[in-house]
Amino acid sequence: MIPDGSGEFTRKMGMLVCKDNLGFGMRSWRYAAIVNDGKVEQWFVEEGFSDNCETDPYGVSSPQNILEKLRSANKTKAA
């Protein structure tokens, strides 16, 4: 997790969206990445990326999903 109170990192990642319809203003769209030695190996972005999206999806970027991907990758490497 990376704290990003000003949204500068999020903006540079192209993931800053307006959520005025939910009363939040400018926020980060939900996403996650698996980063190894500074290199993004996998990218997980919730569907519906847009300003003022009517929904607030959460699943693809969930910790449970990311951990499962890491476990699967470790099993593949061990085989």
PDB file of N, CA and C in Angstrom:
ATOM      1  N   MET A   1       0.840  -1.177   0.000  1.00  0.00           N
ATOM      2  CA  MET A   1       0.000   0.000   0.000  1.00  0.00           C
ATOM      3  C   MET A   1       0.883   1.238   0.000  1.00  0.00           C
ATOM      4  N   ILE A   2       0.423   2.231  -0.730  1.00  0.00           N
ATOM      5  CA  ILE A   2       1.173   3.481  -0.830  1.00  0.00           C
ATOM      6  C   ILE A   2       0.260   4.630  -0.414  1.00  0.00           C
ATOM      7  N   PRO A   3       0.620   5.372   0.647  1.00  0.00           N
ATOM      8  CA  PRO A   3      -0.201   6.535   1.005  1.00  0.00           C
ATOM      9  C   PRO A   3      -0.077   7.597  -0.087  1.00  0.00           C
ATOM     10  N   ASP A   4      -1.193   8.205  -0.445  1.00  0.00           N
ATOM     11  CA  ASP A   4      -1.198   9.160  -1.552  1.00  0.00           C
ATOM     12  C   ASP A   4      -2.246  10.238  -1.305  1.00  0.00           C
ATOM     13  N   GLY A   5      -2.108  10.942  -0.198  1.00  0.00           N
ATOM     14  CA  GLY A   5      -3.103  11.928   0.204  1.00  0.00           C
ATOM     15  C   GLY A   5      -3.392  12.997  -0.828  1.00  0.00           C
ATOM     16  N   SER A   6      -2.398  13.413  -1.592  1.00  0.00           N
ATOM     17  CA  SER A   6      -2.612  14.463  -2.588  1.00  0.00           C
ATOM     18  C   SER A   6      -3.061  13.906  -3.936  1.00  0.00           C
ATOM     19  N   GLY A   7      -2.980  12.596  -4.119  1.00  0.00           N
ATOM     20  CA  GLY A   7      -3.382  11.974  -5.382  1.00  0.00           C
ATOM     21  C   GLY A   7      -2.344  12.074  -6.482  1.00  0.00           C
ATOM     22  N   GLU A   8      -1.140  12.556  -6.165  1.00  0.00           N
ATOM     23  CA  GLU A   8      -0.111  12.743  -7.196  1.00  0.00           C
ATOM     24  C   GLU A   8       0.307  11.404  -7.816  1.00  0.00           C
ATOM     25  N   PHE A   9       0.592  10.407  -7.001  1.00  0.00           N
ATOM     26  CA  PHE A   9       0.978   9.089  -7.526  1.00  0.00           C
ATOM     27  C   PHE A   9      -0.162   8.508  -8.363  1.00  0.00           C
ATOM     28  N   THR A  10      -1.377   8.588  -7.827  1.00  0.00           N
ATOM     29  CA  THR A  10      -2.554   8.048  -8.514  1.00  0.00           C
ATOM     30  C   THR A  10      -2.761   8.723  -9.860  1.00  0.00           C
ATOM     31  N   ARG A  11      -2.603  10.029  -9.911  1.00  0.00           N
ATOM     32  CA  ARG A  11      -2.739  10.761 -11.172  1.00  0.00           C
ATOM     33  C   ARG A  11      -1.698  10.295 -12.183  1.00  0.00           C
ATOM     34  N   LYS A  12      -0.448  10.137 -11.723  1.00  0.00           N
ATOM     35  CA  LYS A  12       0.622   9.703 -12.625  1.00  0.00           C
ATOM     36  C   LYS A  12       0.422   8.260 -13.099  1.00  0.00           C
ATOM     37  N   MET A  13      -0.288   7.467 -12.323  1.00  0.00           N
ATOM     38  CA  MET A  13      -0.598   6.094 -12.736  1.00  0.00           C
ATOM     39  C   MET A  13      -1.797   6.054 -13.684  1.00  0.00           C
ATOM     40  N   GLY A  14      -2.452   7.210 -13.861  1.00  0.00           N
ATOM     41  CA  GLY A  14      -3.629   7.273 -14.730  1.00  0.00           C
ATOM     42  C   GLY A  14      -4.871   6.697 -14.096  1.00  0.00           C
ATOM     43  N   MET A  15      -4.918   6.671 -12.764  1.00  0.00           N
ATOM     44  CA  MET A  15      -6.018   6.030 -12.057  1.00  0.00           C
ATOM     45  C   MET A  15      -6.852   7.004 -11.205  1.00  0.00           C
ATOM     46  N   LEU A  16      -6.677   8.298 -11.404  1.00  0.00           N
ATOM     47  CA  LEU A  16      -7.428   9.294 -10.646  1.00  0.00           C
ATOM     48  C   LEU A  16      -8.774   9.541 -11.323  1.00  0.00           C
ATOM     49  N   VAL A  17      -9.845   9.415 -10.563  1.00  0.00           N
ATOM     50  CA  VAL A  17     -11.191   9.644 -11.097  1.00  0.00           C
ATOM     51  C   VAL A  17     -11.965  10.577 -10.174  1.00  0.00           C
ATOM     52  N   CYS A  18     -12.964  11.217 -10.736  1.00  0.00           N
ATOM     53  CA  CYS A  18     -13.863  12.065  -9.976  1.00  0.00           C
ATOM     54  C   CYS A  18     -14.984  11.200  -9.418  1.00  0.00           C
ATOM     55  N   LYS A  19     -15.220  11.278  -8.115  1.00  0.00           N
ATOM     56  CA  LYS A  19     -16.301  10.527  -7.482  1.00  0.00           C
ATOM     57  C   LYS A  19     -17.242  11.478  -6.740  1.00  0.00           C
ATOM     58  N   ASP A  20     -17.496  12.623  -7.369  1.00  0.00           N
ATOM     59  CA  ASP A  20     -18.407  13.601  -6.775  1.00  0.00           C
ATOM     60  C   ASP A  20     -19.790  13.010  -6.533  1.00  0.00           C
ATOM     61  N   ASN A  21     -20.214  12.096  -7.401  1.00  0.00           N
ATOM     62  CA  ASN A  21     -21.542  11.500  -7.252  1.00  0.00           C
ATOM     63  C   ASN A  21     -21.665  10.678  -5.965  1.00  0.00           C
ATOM     64  N   LEU A  22     -20.542  10.259  -5.407  1.00  0.00           N
ATOM     65  CA  LEU A  22     -20.541   9.509  -4.148  1.00  0.00           C
ATOM     66  C   LEU A  22     -20.105  10.385  -2.976  1.00  0.00           C
ATOM     67  N   GLY A  23     -19.871  11.671  -3.250  1.00  0.00           N
ATOM     68  CA  GLY A  23     -19.479  12.606  -2.203  1.00  0.00           C
ATOM     69  C   GLY A  23     -18.006  12.549  -1.838  1.00  0.00           C
ATOM     70  N   PHE A  24     -17.172  12.022  -2.733  1.00  0.00           N
ATOM     71  CA  PHE A  24     -15.755  11.849  -2.416  1.00  0.00           C
ATOM     72  C   PHE A  24     -14.816  12.813  -3.127  1.00  0.00           C
ATOM     73  N   GLY A  25     -15.206  13.429  -4.231  1.00  0.00           N
ATOM     74  CA  GLY A  25     -14.287  14.273  -4.991  1.00  0.00           C
ATOM     75  C   GLY A  25     -13.324  13.424  -5.784  1.00  0.00           C
ATOM     76  N   MET A  26     -12.093  13.898  -5.946  1.00  0.00           N
ATOM     77  CA  MET A  26     -11.077  13.170  -6.711  1.00  0.00           C
ATOM     78  C   MET A  26     -10.500  12.044  -5.845  1.00  0.00           C
ATOM     79  N   ARG A  27     -10.562  10.831  -6.371  1.00  0.00           N
ATOM     80  CA  ARG A  27     -10.100   9.656  -5.630  1.00  0.00           C
ATOM     81  C   ARG A  27      -9.391   8.688  -6.572  1.00  0.00           C
ATOM     82  N   SER A  28      -8.756   7.712  -5.982  1.00  0.00           N
ATOM     83  CA  SER A  28      -8.136   6.649  -6.763  1.00  0.00           C
ATOM     84  C   SER A  28      -9.186   5.612  -7.136  1.00  0.00           C
ATOM     85  N   TRP A  29      -9.166   5.199  -8.400  1.00  0.00           N
ATOM     86  CA  TRP A  29      -9.957   4.046  -8.797  1.00  0.00           C
ATOM     87  C   TRP A  29      -9.300   2.839  -8.137  1.00  0.00           C
ATOM     88  N   ARG A  30     -10.093   1.818  -7.816  1.00  0.00           N
ATOM     89  CA  ARG A  30      -9.513   0.642  -7.160  1.00  0.00           C
ATOM     90  C   ARG A  30      -8.693  -0.174  -8.159  1.00  0.00           C
ATOM     91  N   TYR A  31      -7.462  -0.418  -7.759  1.00  0.00           N
ATOM     92  CA  TYR A  31      -6.563  -1.244  -8.554  1.00  0.00           C
ATOM     93  C   TYR A  31      -5.483  -1.807  -7.640  1.00  0.00           C
ATOM     94  N   ALA A  32      -4.801  -2.801  -8.119  1.00  0.00           N
ATOM     95  CA  ALA A  32      -3.675  -3.378  -7.382  1.00  0.00           C
ATOM     96  C   ALA A  32      -2.644  -3.831  -8.404  1.00  0.00           C
ATOM     97  N   ALA A  33      -1.434  -4.007  -7.950  1.00  0.00           N
ATOM     98  CA  ALA A  33      -0.362  -4.482  -8.826  1.00  0.00           C
ATOM     99  C   ALA A  33       0.561  -5.403  -8.044  1.00  0.00           C
ATOM    100  N   ILE A  34       1.100  -6.366  -8.750  1.00  0.00           N
ATOM    101  CA  ILE A  34       2.177  -7.174  -8.194  1.00  0.00           C
ATOM    102  C   ILE A  34       3.455  -6.598  -8.778  1.00  0.00           C
ATOM    103  N   VAL A  35       4.316  -6.096  -7.894  1.00  0.00           N
ATOM    104  CA  VAL A  35       5.543  -5.426  -8.300  1.00  0.00           C
ATOM    105  C   VAL A  35       6.726  -6.219  -7.767  1.00  0.00           C
ATOM    106  N   ASN A  36       7.659  -6.523  -8.637  1.00  0.00           N
ATOM    107  CA  ASN A  36       8.841  -7.288  -8.267  1.00  0.00           C
ATOM    108  C   ASN A  36      10.075  -6.506  -8.719  1.00  0.00           C
ATOM    109  N   ASP A  37      10.919  -6.120  -7.770  1.00  0.00           N
ATOM    110  CA  ASP A  37      12.119  -5.327  -8.064  1.00  0.00           C
ATOM    111  C   ASP A  37      11.797  -4.079  -8.883  1.00  0.00           C
ATOM    112  N   GLY A  38      10.716  -3.397  -8.533  1.00  0.00           N
ATOM    113  CA  GLY A  38      10.337  -2.156  -9.192  1.00  0.00           C
ATOM    114  C   GLY A  38       9.648  -2.337 -10.533  1.00  0.00           C
ATOM    115  N   LYS A  39       9.388  -3.572 -10.943  1.00  0.00           N
ATOM    116  CA  LYS A  39       8.755  -3.853 -12.232  1.00  0.00           C
ATOM    117  C   LYS A  39       7.347  -4.407 -12.002  1.00  0.00           C
ATOM    118  N   VAL A  40       6.353  -3.801 -12.643  1.00  0.00           N
ATOM    119  CA  VAL A  40       4.980  -4.281 -12.518  1.00  0.00           C
ATOM    120  C   VAL A  40       4.854  -5.589 -13.295  1.00  0.00           C
ATOM    121  N   GLU A  41       4.551  -6.662 -12.563  1.00  0.00           N
ATOM    122  CA  GLU A  41       4.408  -7.973 -13.199  1.00  0.00           C
ATOM    123  C   GLU A  41       2.957  -8.282 -13.544  1.00  0.00           C
ATOM    124  N   GLN A  42       2.024  -7.828 -12.703  1.00  0.00           N
ATOM    125  CA  GLN A  42       0.604  -8.026 -12.975  1.00  0.00           C
ATOM    126  C   GLN A  42      -0.160  -6.799 -12.508  1.00  0.00           C
ATOM    127  N   TRP A  43      -1.234  -6.495 -13.220  1.00  0.00           N
ATOM    128  CA  TRP A  43      -2.037  -5.298 -12.973  1.00  0.00           C
ATOM    129  C   TRP A  43      -3.485  -5.735 -12.848  1.00  0.00           C
ATOM    130  N   PHE A  44      -4.175  -5.281 -11.801  1.00  0.00           N
ATOM    131  CA  PHE A  44      -5.555  -5.672 -11.526  1.00  0.00           C
ATOM    132  C   PHE A  44      -6.397  -4.410 -11.359  1.00  0.00           C
ATOM    133  N   VAL A  45      -7.260  -4.135 -12.326  1.00  0.00           N
ATOM    134  CA  VAL A  45      -8.083  -2.926 -12.311  1.00  0.00           C
ATOM    135  C   VAL A  45      -9.552  -3.331 -12.270  1.00  0.00           C
ATOM    136  N   GLU A  46     -10.292  -2.715 -11.372  1.00  0.00           N
ATOM    137  CA  GLU A  46     -11.727  -2.983 -11.300  1.00  0.00           C
ATOM    138  C   GLU A  46     -12.415  -2.485 -12.572  1.00  0.00           C
ATOM    139  N   GLU A  47     -13.459  -3.188 -12.969  1.00  0.00           N
ATOM    140  CA  GLU A  47     -14.222  -2.806 -14.165  1.00  0.00           C
ATOM    141  C   GLU A  47     -14.948  -1.493 -13.951  1.00  0.00           C
ATOM    142  N   GLY A  48     -15.224  -0.812 -15.061  1.00  0.00           N
ATOM    143  CA  GLY A  48     -16.040   0.392 -15.017  1.00  0.00           C
ATOM    144  C   GLY A  48     -15.271   1.681 -14.804  1.00  0.00           C
ATOM    145  N   PHE A  49     -13.954   1.654 -14.958  1.00  0.00           N
ATOM    146  CA  PHE A  49     -13.122   2.836 -14.725  1.00  0.00           C
ATOM    147  C   PHE A  49     -13.701   4.051 -15.453  1.00  0.00           C
ATOM    148  N   SER A  50     -14.163   5.028 -14.688  1.00  0.00           N
ATOM    149  CA  SER A  50     -14.697   6.260 -15.268  1.00  0.00           C
ATOM    150  C   SER A  50     -14.976   7.259 -14.157  1.00  0.00           C
ATOM    151  N   ASP A  51     -15.069   8.506 -14.544  1.00  0.00           N
ATOM    152  CA  ASP A  51     -15.504   9.536 -13.594  1.00  0.00           C
ATOM    153  C   ASP A  51     -16.960   9.302 -13.245  1.00  0.00           C
ATOM    154  N   ASN A  52     -17.292   9.535 -11.978  1.00  0.00           N
ATOM    155  CA  ASN A  52     -18.660   9.436 -11.478  1.00  0.00           C
ATOM    156  C   ASN A  52     -19.350   8.125 -11.838  1.00  0.00           C
ATOM    157  N   CYS A  53     -18.592   7.043 -11.773  1.00  0.00           N
ATOM    158  CA  CYS A  53     -19.148   5.710 -12.021  1.00  0.00           C
ATOM    159  C   CYS A  53     -20.268   5.455 -11.005  1.00  0.00           C
ATOM    160  N   GLU A  54     -21.365   4.898 -11.470  1.00  0.00           N
ATOM    161  CA  GLU A  54     -22.513   4.676 -10.586  1.00  0.00           C
ATOM    162  C   GLU A  54     -22.272   3.563  -9.572  1.00  0.00           C
ATOM    163  N   THR A  55     -21.338   2.679  -9.864  1.00  0.00           N
ATOM    164  CA  THR A  55     -21.026   1.590  -8.940  1.00  0.00           C
ATOM    165  C   THR A  55     -19.637   1.811  -8.356  1.00  0.00           C
ATOM    166  N   ASP A  56     -19.305   1.028  -7.368  1.00  0.00           N
ATOM    167  CA  ASP A  56     -17.986   1.099  -6.741  1.00  0.00           C
ATOM    168  C   ASP A  56     -17.465  -0.339  -6.627  1.00  0.00           C
ATOM    169  N   PRO A  57     -17.077  -0.934  -7.765  1.00  0.00           N
ATOM    170  CA  PRO A  57     -16.723  -2.358  -7.782  1.00  0.00           C
ATOM    171  C   PRO A  57     -15.502  -2.681  -6.929  1.00  0.00           C
ATOM    172  N   TYR A  58     -15.522  -3.883  -6.381  1.00  0.00           N
ATOM    173  CA  TYR A  58     -14.414  -4.343  -5.547  1.00  0.00           C
ATOM    174  C   TYR A  58     -14.364  -5.866  -5.606  1.00  0.00           C
ATOM    175  N   GLY A  59     -13.322  -6.404  -6.156  1.00  0.00           N
ATOM    176  CA  GLY A  59     -13.157  -7.840  -6.262  1.00  0.00           C
ATOM    177  C   GLY A  59     -11.843  -8.189  -6.927  1.00  0.00           C
ATOM    178  N   VAL A  60     -11.640  -7.680  -8.131  1.00  0.00           N
ATOM    179  CA  VAL A  60     -10.424  -7.960  -8.893  1.00  0.00           C
ATOM    180  C   VAL A  60      -9.182  -7.498  -8.121  1.00  0.00           C
ATOM    181  N   SER A  61      -9.297  -6.356  -7.458  1.00  0.00           N
ATOM    182  CA  SER A  61      -8.150  -5.785  -6.743  1.00  0.00           C
ATOM    183  C   SER A  61      -8.128  -6.153  -5.261  1.00  0.00           C
ATOM    184  N   SER A  62      -8.987  -7.063  -4.844  1.00  0.00           N
ATOM    185  CA  SER A  62      -9.064  -7.422  -3.420  1.00  0.00           C
ATOM    186  C   SER A  62      -7.805  -8.166  -2.968  1.00  0.00           C
ATOM    187  N   PRO A  63      -7.445  -8.029  -1.715  1.00  0.00           N
ATOM    188  CA  PRO A  63      -6.288  -8.760  -1.194  1.00  0.00           C
ATOM    189  C   PRO A  63      -6.409 -10.272  -1.408  1.00  0.00           C
ATOM    190  N   GLN A  64      -7.609 -10.797  -1.246  1.00  0.00           N
ATOM    191  CA  GLN A  64      -7.809 -12.236  -1.427  1.00  0.00           C
ATOM    192  C   GLN A  64      -7.452 -12.661  -2.854  1.00  0.00           C
ATOM    193  N   ASN A  65      -7.872 -11.883  -3.843  1.00  0.00           N
ATOM    194  CA  ASN A  65      -7.575 -12.205  -5.234  1.00  0.00           C
ATOM    195  C   ASN A  65      -6.076 -12.107  -5.514  1.00  0.00           C
ATOM    196  N   ILE A  66      -5.434 -11.076  -5.004  1.00  0.00           N
ATOM    197  CA  ILE A  66      -4.001 -10.888  -5.234  1.00  0.00           C
ATOM    198  C   ILE A  66      -3.213 -12.019  -4.580  1.00  0.00           C
ATOM    199  N   LEU A  67      -3.571 -12.378  -3.352  1.00  0.00           N
ATOM    200  CA  LEU A  67      -2.887 -13.490  -2.676  1.00  0.00           C
ATOM    201  C   LEU A  67      -3.050 -14.796  -3.434  1.00  0.00           C
ATOM    202  N   GLU A  68      -4.222 -15.035  -3.991  1.00  0.00           N
ATOM    203  CA  GLU A  68      -4.447 -16.245  -4.774  1.00  0.00           C
ATOM    204  C   GLU A  68      -3.552 -16.260  -6.015  1.00  0.00           C
ATOM    205  N   LYS A  69      -3.408 -15.132  -6.677  1.00  0.00           N
ATOM    206  CA  LYS A  69      -2.523 -15.035  -7.849  1.00  0.00           C
ATOM    207  C   LYS A  69      -1.072 -15.305  -7.451  1.00  0.00           C
ATOM    208  N   LEU A  70      -0.653 -14.769  -6.300  1.00  0.00           N
ATOM    209  CA  LEU A  70       0.717 -15.004  -5.834  1.00  0.00           C
ATOM    210  C   LEU A  70       0.922 -16.484  -5.481  1.00  0.00           C
ATOM    211  N   ARG A  71      -0.053 -17.094  -4.832  1.00  0.00           N
ATOM    212  CA  ARG A  71       0.037 -18.523  -4.502  1.00  0.00           C
ATOM    213  C   ARG A  71       0.122 -19.368  -5.768  1.00  0.00           C
ATOM    214  N   SER A  72      -0.701 -19.041  -6.749  1.00  0.00           N
ATOM    215  CA  SER A  72      -0.687 -19.786  -8.020  1.00  0.00           C
ATOM    216  C   SER A  72       0.654 -19.650  -8.718  1.00  0.00           C
ATOM    217  N   ALA A  73       1.205 -18.451  -8.706  1.00  0.00           N
ATOM    218  CA  ALA A  73       2.501 -18.224  -9.340  1.00  0.00           C
ATOM    219  C   ALA A  73       3.593 -19.006  -8.633  1.00  0.00           C
ATOM    220  N   ASN A  74       3.550 -19.064  -7.300  1.00  0.00           N
ATOM    221  CA  ASN A  74       4.545 -19.831  -6.549  1.00  0.00           C
ATOM    222  C   ASN A  74       4.439 -21.317  -6.820  1.00  0.00           C
ATOM    223  N   LYS A  75       3.212 -21.833  -6.964  1.00  0.00           N
ATOM    224  CA  LYS A  75       3.012 -23.243  -7.276  1.00  0.00           C
ATOM    225  C   LYS A  75       3.572 -23.568  -8.654  1.00  0.00           C
ATOM    226  N   THR A  76       3.376 -22.672  -9.603  1.00  0.00           N
ATOM    227  CA  THR A  76       3.886 -22.871 -10.963  1.00  0.00           C
ATOM    228  C   THR A  76       5.405 -22.879 -10.977  1.00  0.00           C
ATOM    229  N   LYS A  77       6.029 -21.983 -10.216  1.00  0.00           N
ATOM    230  CA  LYS A  77       7.488 -21.914 -10.150  1.00  0.00           C
ATOM    231  C   LYS A  77       8.066 -23.162  -9.464  1.00  0.00           C
ATOM    232  N   ALA A  78       7.355 -23.686  -8.478  1.00  0.00           N
ATOM    233  CA  ALA A  78       7.846 -24.850  -7.739  1.00  0.00           C
ATOM    234  C   ALA A  78       7.726 -26.135  -8.545  1.00  0.00           C
ATOM    235  N   ALA A  79       6.819 -26.164  -9.502  1.00  0.00           N
ATOM    236  CA  ALA A  79       6.579 -27.393 -10.281  1.00  0.00           C
ATOM    237  C   ALA A  79       7.620 -27.658 -11.318  1.00  0.00           C
TER     238      ALA A  79
END
